[in-house]
Amino acid sequence: MEKRDYYEVLGVLRNSSLQEIKSSYRKIAIKFHPDRNPDSKDAEDKFKEAAEAYSVLSDPEKRELYDQYGHQGLSGTGFHGFSGFEDIFSSFGDIFSDFFGGAFGSSRRRSAVQRGADLRFDLEIEFMEAVFGLEKEIQVDRHETCEECNGSRTRTGKSPETCSLCHGRGQVVHSQGFFTVSTTCSQCKGEGTIITDPCKKCRGVGRVVKTRKLQIKIPAGVDNGSRLRLSGEGEEGQSGGYPGDLYIFIHVKDHDFFVRDGDNILCELPISFPQAALGTEIEIPTINDPHKLTIPKGTQHGQIFKIRGAGVQNLRGYNRGDQIVHIKVVTPTNLNPRQQELLREFASLGGNTVTEKKKNIFEKFKEQIINS
């Protein structure tokens, strides 16, 4: 079935303001609300159609795409309408609340199965632990069903009492003109029952905080900012809902010598001027065994050497990275007179002029006293 034009669905003009669109949607949604039209497939379809139209026209980006390309323009945004009433109420329940002063449709949400909340755990590990992976025990706090009352929230042997205001329905019916509207009961908050003798352990909540010990496996190759997901290790669900997940965020400590760059390992190797000029062989650390690196004659400051396969194992099991060595030629300081003499001779042989620092009058006077 071909979709109707969204502006036609809401009965507004194409240049209507957001407030006009919202007002029109509110009227249509109330008219075809499932609580006012039980078992009416036609009202249900119109209620969902209006919600879909409003979700597009109330979003500036989606509305612009729709105005330019119609329904086809929304195909690449991942928007496919709403799957059911719960989806609509969770997105636009505030519209009904603003109009009626209550949570129109909240009883549907409250009684629905709810998935447990996801949890976050920040884990700091050493550089080498991230490179090679490890198994580690962590402790996570989460809410679990109270063992004392088994989640009933009442003291053992007691039962919740039926709410005297809504008589157990969780909803209170209000008449406003020719409308009959159900709103969440203010006394029991939509539960339909009141806890008069709460469980002492959970204080009437039905859940308590417990610390769980988990043995987790950190795979080789994780990096700073990596995120691991443990399915079902989050908060417990409500009304039989599935538990949430536990997300572990990895924080890797800095290393004294190595720096991580994806799967590559970076390091800086300081060498002397003679070593750079004449060449040498230096044993350099890697994340595995030491490696003898050949420094050829005439190596320049900032030159890069690569040790193939000496990097980190790719997290997805592909090849290993490399170790990238940055050469740092260190200029000597505090040379003794003989070293200075040799360097001047070296410069002279190369046709380079080296100007000797002239001594000031105080240095000459000091030298005369020492030599006298």
Protein backbone atom coordinates (compact mmCIF):
# COMPACT_ATOMS: atom_id res chain seq x y z
CA MET A 1 0.00 0.00 0.00
CA GLU A 2 1.37 3.40 -1.01
CA LYS A 3 2.04 5.78 1.85
CA ARG A 4 0.04 8.98 2.07
CA ASP A 5 1.71 12.37 2.02
CA TYR A 6 2.80 13.24 5.58
CA TYR A 7 1.42 16.77 5.34
CA GLU A 8 -1.91 15.32 4.25
CA VAL A 9 -1.87 12.83 7.15
CA LEU A 10 -1.50 15.64 9.70
CA GLY A 11 -3.71 18.06 7.81
CA VAL A 12 -1.12 20.86 7.67
CA LEU A 13 0.42 22.99 4.92
CA ARG A 14 3.94 22.38 3.65
CA ASN A 15 5.12 25.67 5.17
CA SER A 16 3.52 25.01 8.57
CA SER A 17 5.59 25.76 11.66
CA LEU A 18 6.77 23.09 14.09
CA GLN A 19 4.22 24.26 16.65
CA GLU A 20 1.39 23.92 14.12
CA ILE A 21 2.56 20.43 13.20
CA LYS A 22 2.79 19.42 16.85
CA SER A 23 -0.67 20.80 17.63
CA SER A 24 -2.25 18.97 14.70
CA TYR A 25 -0.53 15.71 15.58
CA ARG A 26 -1.69 15.97 19.19
CA LYS A 27 -5.32 16.26 18.11
CA ILE A 28 -5.11 13.33 15.72
CA ALA A 29 -3.24 11.14 18.22
CA ILE A 30 -5.84 11.81 20.92
CA LYS A 31 -8.67 11.09 18.52
CA PHE A 32 -7.29 7.72 17.47
CA HIS A 33 -5.57 6.81 20.77
CA PRO A 34 -5.92 3.05 21.47
CA ASP A 35 -7.40 3.70 24.93
CA ARG A 36 -10.27 5.58 23.32
CA ASN A 37 -10.64 3.12 20.43
CA PRO A 38 -10.18 -0.39 21.81
CA ASP A 39 -10.08 -3.21 19.27
CA SER A 40 -10.31 -0.76 16.34
CA LYS A 41 -7.82 -1.70 13.62
CA ASP A 42 -8.64 1.43 11.61
CA ALA A 43 -7.94 3.72 14.59
CA GLU A 44 -4.74 1.81 15.30
CA ASP A 45 -3.50 2.29 11.74
CA LYS A 46 -4.31 6.01 11.76
CA PHE A 47 -2.63 6.42 15.15
CA LYS A 48 0.58 4.83 13.84
CA GLU A 49 0.37 6.74 10.54
CA ALA A 50 0.11 10.08 12.36
CA ALA A 51 3.04 9.19 14.64
CA GLU A 52 5.19 8.31 11.63
CA ALA A 53 4.30 11.57 9.89
CA TYR A 54 5.05 13.61 13.01
CA SER A 55 8.39 11.91 13.61
CA VAL A 56 9.52 13.03 10.15
CA LEU A 57 8.03 16.53 9.99
CA SER A 58 9.17 17.43 13.51
CA ASP A 59 12.79 16.57 12.66
CA PRO A 60 14.42 19.38 10.57
CA GLU A 61 16.83 17.04 8.74
CA LYS A 62 14.24 14.37 7.95
CA ARG A 63 11.72 17.03 6.92
CA GLU A 64 14.21 18.60 4.49
CA LEU A 65 14.93 15.21 2.92
CA TYR A 66 11.21 14.47 2.66
CA ASP A 67 10.45 17.87 1.11
CA GLN A 68 13.10 17.28 -1.56
CA TYR A 69 12.76 13.57 -2.32
CA GLY A 70 9.54 12.37 -0.69
CA HIS A 71 9.32 8.97 1.01
CA GLN A 72 12.23 7.67 -1.09
CA GLY A 73 14.53 10.27 0.46
CA LEU A 74 14.11 8.69 3.91
CA SER A 75 15.14 5.20 2.83
CA GLY A 76 18.82 5.85 3.55
CA THR A 77 18.26 7.26 7.04
CA GLY A 78 17.29 3.96 8.62
CA PHE A 79 13.78 5.24 9.37
CA HIS A 80 11.08 2.61 8.96
CA GLY A 81 8.23 3.96 11.07
CA PHE A 82 7.22 2.45 14.40
CA SER A 83 6.91 -1.20 15.33
CA GLY A 84 4.14 -0.73 17.89
CA PHE A 85 2.46 1.41 20.53
CA GLU A 86 5.30 1.07 23.03
CA ASP A 87 7.69 2.55 20.48
CA ILE A 88 5.39 5.52 19.89
CA PHE A 89 4.66 6.19 23.57
CA SER A 90 8.36 6.09 24.47
CA SER A 91 9.11 8.65 21.74
CA PHE A 92 6.18 11.06 22.06
CA GLY A 93 4.63 10.37 25.46
CA ASP A 94 5.47 13.94 26.52
CA ILE A 95 2.92 15.31 24.04
CA PHE A 96 0.08 13.51 25.80
CA SER A 97 1.46 14.41 29.23
CA ASP A 98 1.65 18.11 28.37
CA PHE A 99 -1.92 18.17 27.10
CA PHE A 100 -3.62 16.16 29.84
CA GLY A 101 -1.31 16.77 32.79
CA GLY A 102 -0.66 13.05 33.10
CA ALA A 103 1.17 10.23 31.39
CA PHE A 104 -1.32 9.16 28.74
CA GLY A 105 -0.37 5.63 27.82
CA SER A 106 2.13 5.24 30.66
CA SER A 107 0.35 2.16 32.00
CA ARG A 108 1.27 0.39 28.82
CA ARG A 109 4.92 1.22 29.31
CA ARG A 110 5.00 0.45 33.02
CA SER A 111 3.55 -3.01 32.62
CA ALA A 112 5.74 -3.86 29.65
CA VAL A 113 8.75 -6.12 29.88
CA GLN A 114 11.84 -3.97 30.35
CA ARG A 115 15.38 -4.91 29.44
CA GLY A 116 17.93 -4.30 32.15
CA ALA A 117 20.23 -1.29 31.97
CA ASP A 118 23.73 -1.60 30.52
CA LEU A 119 26.67 -1.09 32.87
CA ARG A 120 30.11 0.44 32.29
CA PHE A 121 33.39 -0.67 33.87
CA ASP A 122 36.67 1.21 33.32
CA LEU A 123 39.73 -1.04 33.42
CA GLU A 124 43.33 0.21 33.46
CA ILE A 125 46.00 -2.22 32.24
CA GLU A 126 49.72 -2.13 31.54
CA PHE A 127 51.11 -1.52 28.04
CA MET A 128 52.41 -5.08 27.68
CA GLU A 129 49.13 -6.51 28.99
CA ALA A 130 47.34 -4.75 26.16
CA VAL A 131 49.85 -6.10 23.64
CA PHE A 132 49.72 -9.74 24.74
CA GLY A 133 46.29 -9.95 26.40
CA LEU A 134 45.47 -11.33 29.83
CA GLU A 135 42.82 -12.84 32.05
CA LYS A 136 41.74 -10.67 34.94
CA GLU A 137 39.20 -10.80 37.73
CA ILE A 138 37.06 -7.71 38.19
CA GLN A 139 34.34 -6.75 40.65
CA VAL A 140 31.17 -5.15 39.38
CA ASP A 141 28.28 -3.72 41.41
CA ARG A 142 24.80 -4.26 40.01
CA HIS A 143 21.20 -4.44 41.19
CA GLU A 144 19.81 -7.93 41.68
CA THR A 145 16.54 -9.33 42.97
CA CYS A 146 16.32 -9.17 46.74
CA GLU A 147 16.66 -12.68 48.17
CA GLU A 148 14.76 -11.73 51.31
CA CYS A 149 11.47 -10.88 49.58
CA ASN A 150 12.19 -12.49 46.19
CA GLY A 151 11.44 -9.16 44.52
CA SER A 152 7.96 -8.76 46.05
CA ARG A 153 9.18 -5.72 48.03
CA THR A 154 7.11 -6.70 51.07
CA ARG A 155 8.12 -8.29 54.34
CA THR A 156 7.98 -12.09 54.39
CA GLY A 157 4.41 -13.30 54.81
CA LYS A 158 2.91 -9.96 53.82
CA SER A 159 1.32 -8.91 50.53
CA PRO A 160 0.90 -5.55 48.78
CA GLU A 161 -2.45 -3.87 49.29
CA THR A 162 -4.72 -2.85 46.45
CA CYS A 163 -4.54 0.89 45.81
CA SER A 164 -7.66 2.55 47.19
CA LEU A 165 -7.57 5.36 44.63
CA CYS A 166 -7.44 3.41 41.36
CA HIS A 167 -8.72 0.09 42.81
CA GLY A 168 -5.78 -1.81 41.40
CA ARG A 169 -6.04 -0.57 37.83
CA GLY A 170 -3.02 1.73 38.01
CA GLN A 171 -5.03 4.32 36.08
CA VAL A 172 -7.48 6.99 37.12
CA VAL A 173 -10.20 8.04 34.67
CA HIS A 174 -10.74 11.76 34.15
CA SER A 175 -13.49 13.42 32.13
CA GLN A 176 -12.59 16.59 30.26
CA GLY A 177 -15.51 17.78 28.17
CA PHE A 178 -16.43 14.97 25.83
CA PHE A 179 -13.03 13.30 26.34
CA THR A 180 -12.51 10.47 28.80
CA VAL A 181 -8.83 10.19 29.59
CA SER A 182 -6.94 7.68 31.72
CA THR A 183 -3.89 8.96 33.59
CA THR A 184 -1.39 7.24 35.85
CA CYS A 185 -2.58 6.92 39.42
CA SER A 186 -0.73 9.46 41.56
CA GLN A 187 -0.98 7.30 44.67
CA CYS A 188 0.46 4.00 43.45
CA LYS A 189 2.38 5.44 40.45
CA GLY A 190 0.65 3.03 38.09
CA GLU A 191 1.50 -0.12 40.06
CA GLY A 192 -2.05 -0.81 41.23
CA THR A 193 -0.79 -1.83 44.66
CA ILE A 194 0.75 -0.10 47.67
CA ILE A 195 3.52 -1.50 49.86
CA THR A 196 2.49 -0.90 53.47
CA ASP A 197 5.00 -3.27 55.12
CA PRO A 198 8.20 -3.06 53.05
CA CYS A 199 11.00 -5.59 53.13
CA LYS A 200 13.70 -4.46 55.56
CA LYS A 201 16.59 -5.65 53.40
CA CYS A 202 15.67 -3.85 50.17
CA ARG A 203 13.44 -1.20 51.82
CA GLY A 204 10.57 -1.94 49.51
CA VAL A 205 12.56 -1.60 46.29
CA GLY A 206 12.66 -5.28 45.44
CA ARG A 207 16.31 -5.16 44.42
CA VAL A 208 19.61 -4.77 46.24
CA VAL A 209 23.14 -3.89 45.12
CA LYS A 210 25.44 -6.88 44.94
CA THR A 211 29.10 -7.15 44.02
CA ARG A 212 29.85 -9.78 41.40
CA LYS A 213 33.28 -11.21 40.64
CA LEU A 214 33.87 -11.84 36.95
CA GLN A 215 36.81 -13.54 35.28
CA ILE A 216 37.28 -11.73 32.00
CA LYS A 217 39.61 -12.35 29.07
CA ILE A 218 41.28 -9.33 27.50
CA PRO A 219 42.35 -10.30 23.95
CA ALA A 220 45.81 -9.52 22.65
CA GLY A 221 45.97 -6.29 20.68
CA VAL A 222 43.47 -4.14 22.58
CA ASP A 223 44.35 -0.47 22.64
CA ASN A 224 43.51 2.59 24.68
CA GLY A 225 39.78 3.22 24.18
CA SER A 226 38.95 -0.34 23.17
CA ARG A 227 35.55 -1.53 24.39
CA LEU A 228 34.61 -5.09 25.31
CA ARG A 229 30.98 -6.24 25.63
CA LEU A 230 29.90 -8.95 28.04
CA SER A 231 26.36 -9.95 27.09
CA GLY A 232 23.90 -10.35 29.97
CA GLU A 233 26.23 -9.09 32.69
CA GLY A 234 24.44 -5.75 33.14
CA GLU A 235 21.45 -4.92 35.34
CA GLU A 236 18.64 -7.45 35.68
CA GLY A 237 15.58 -6.87 33.53
CA GLN A 238 12.16 -6.09 34.96
CA SER A 239 8.96 -8.09 34.49
CA GLY A 240 10.95 -10.93 32.95
CA GLY A 241 13.02 -8.75 30.65
CA TYR A 242 16.48 -9.72 29.49
CA PRO A 243 19.44 -8.40 31.50
CA GLY A 244 21.54 -5.57 30.12
CA ASP A 245 25.15 -5.87 28.99
CA LEU A 246 28.42 -4.94 30.67
CA TYR A 247 30.77 -2.73 28.65
CA ILE A 248 34.43 -2.73 29.67
CA PHE A 249 36.38 0.35 28.55
CA ILE A 250 40.13 -0.23 28.31
CA HIS A 251 42.66 2.37 29.49
CA VAL A 252 46.30 1.52 28.69
CA LYS A 253 49.15 2.98 30.73
CA ASP A 254 52.04 4.69 28.94
CA HIS A 255 55.32 2.79 28.41
CA ASP A 256 58.77 4.22 29.12
CA PHE A 257 60.16 3.31 25.70
CA PHE A 258 57.37 2.21 23.36
CA VAL A 259 54.47 4.17 21.89
CA ARG A 260 51.50 2.48 20.22
CA ASP A 261 50.29 3.53 16.76
CA GLY A 262 47.59 1.09 15.71
CA ASP A 263 49.33 -2.25 15.26
CA ASN A 264 52.75 -0.60 14.98
CA ILE A 265 55.16 0.07 17.83
CA LEU A 266 57.08 3.35 17.74
CA CYS A 267 60.29 4.08 19.60
CA GLU A 268 63.07 6.65 19.57
CA LEU A 269 66.71 5.51 19.49
CA PRO A 270 69.37 8.03 20.56
CA ILE A 271 72.80 7.52 18.95
CA SER A 272 76.00 9.54 19.01
CA PHE A 273 77.44 11.52 16.10
CA PRO A 274 80.30 9.02 15.52
CA GLN A 275 77.82 6.13 15.49
CA ALA A 276 75.67 7.95 12.93
CA ALA A 277 78.65 8.90 10.79
CA LEU A 278 80.61 5.63 10.90
CA GLY A 279 77.73 3.18 11.33
CA THR A 280 77.29 0.60 14.04
CA GLU A 281 75.13 -2.26 15.29
CA ILE A 282 72.94 -1.62 18.33
CA GLU A 283 70.82 -4.06 20.30
CA ILE A 284 67.38 -2.52 20.64
CA PRO A 285 64.43 -3.69 22.79
CA THR A 286 61.27 -4.99 21.13
CA ILE A 287 58.04 -6.23 22.72
CA ASN A 288 59.51 -9.73 22.37
CA ASP A 289 63.27 -10.41 22.29
CA PRO A 290 66.02 -7.79 21.78
CA HIS A 291 66.87 -7.11 18.13
CA LYS A 292 70.25 -6.15 16.65
CA LEU A 293 69.64 -3.10 14.48
CA THR A 294 72.26 -2.17 11.89
CA ILE A 295 72.89 1.58 11.67
CA PRO A 296 74.55 2.26 8.28
CA LYS A 297 77.21 4.88 7.70
CA GLY A 298 75.90 8.40 7.24
CA THR A 299 72.62 7.86 9.11
CA GLN A 300 70.84 11.17 9.58
CA HIS A 301 68.88 12.55 12.51
CA GLY A 302 65.19 11.69 12.11
CA GLN A 303 65.86 8.74 9.81
CA ILE A 304 63.43 5.83 10.23
CA PHE A 305 64.15 2.10 10.35
CA LYS A 306 61.50 -0.61 10.33
CA ILE A 307 61.64 -3.97 12.08
CA ARG A 308 59.14 -6.12 10.22
CA GLY A 309 56.65 -8.12 12.29
CA ALA A 310 57.87 -6.75 15.62
CA GLY A 311 54.65 -4.87 16.31
CA VAL A 312 51.31 -5.86 17.85
CA GLN A 313 49.14 -8.78 16.78
CA ASN A 314 46.06 -7.40 15.02
CA LEU A 315 42.99 -7.61 17.27
CA ARG A 316 41.03 -9.39 14.52
CA GLY A 317 43.70 -12.02 14.06
CA TYR A 318 45.40 -10.61 10.97
CA ASN A 319 49.14 -9.96 10.58
CA ARG A 320 51.36 -8.32 13.15
CA GLY A 321 52.41 -4.69 12.90
CA ASP A 322 56.00 -3.41 12.67
CA GLN A 323 58.34 -1.63 15.04
CA ILE A 324 59.22 1.82 13.72
CA VAL A 325 62.55 3.16 15.02
CA HIS A 326 63.15 6.93 14.87
CA ILE A 327 66.83 7.85 15.01
CA LYS A 328 67.84 10.73 17.25
CA VAL A 329 71.43 11.90 16.76
CA VAL A 330 72.56 13.38 20.07
CA THR A 331 74.88 16.39 19.97
CA PRO A 332 77.61 16.02 22.61
CA THR A 333 77.94 18.56 25.40
CA ASN A 334 80.69 19.35 27.92
CA LEU A 335 83.50 18.30 25.59
CA ASN A 336 86.99 18.16 27.06
CA PRO A 337 89.82 20.09 25.35
CA ARG A 338 91.09 17.04 23.45
CA GLN A 339 87.61 16.27 22.07
CA GLN A 340 87.20 19.88 21.01
CA GLU A 341 90.58 19.81 19.29
CA LEU A 342 89.70 16.69 17.35
CA LEU A 343 86.34 18.10 16.26
CA ARG A 344 88.00 21.30 15.02
CA GLU A 345 90.47 19.21 13.07
CA PHE A 346 87.61 17.15 11.63
CA ALA A 347 85.80 20.33 10.61
CA SER A 348 88.93 21.76 9.05
CA LEU A 349 89.52 18.62 6.99
CA GLY A 350 85.98 18.91 5.71
CA GLY A 351 86.42 22.54 4.75
CA ASN A 352 84.13 23.77 7.52
CA THR A 353 85.07 26.80 9.58
CA VAL A 354 84.52 26.57 13.33
CA THR A 355 84.82 29.81 15.22
CA GLU A 356 86.35 29.37 18.63
CA LYS A 357 84.60 31.23 21.41
CA LYS A 358 86.67 34.24 22.46
CA LYS A 359 87.49 34.58 26.13
CA ASN A 360 86.36 37.73 27.85
CA ILE A 361 88.65 39.77 30.13
CA PHE A 362 87.49 38.01 33.28
CA GLU A 363 88.17 34.54 31.86
CA LYS A 364 91.67 35.63 30.72
CA PHE A 365 92.40 37.10 34.15
CA LYS A 366 91.23 33.89 35.84
CA GLU A 367 93.42 31.80 33.51
CA GLN A 368 96.51 33.95 34.30
CA ILE A 369 96.02 33.50 38.04
CA ILE A 370 95.67 29.73 37.68
CA ASN A 371 98.79 29.45 35.51
CA SER A 372 100.96 31.81 37.65
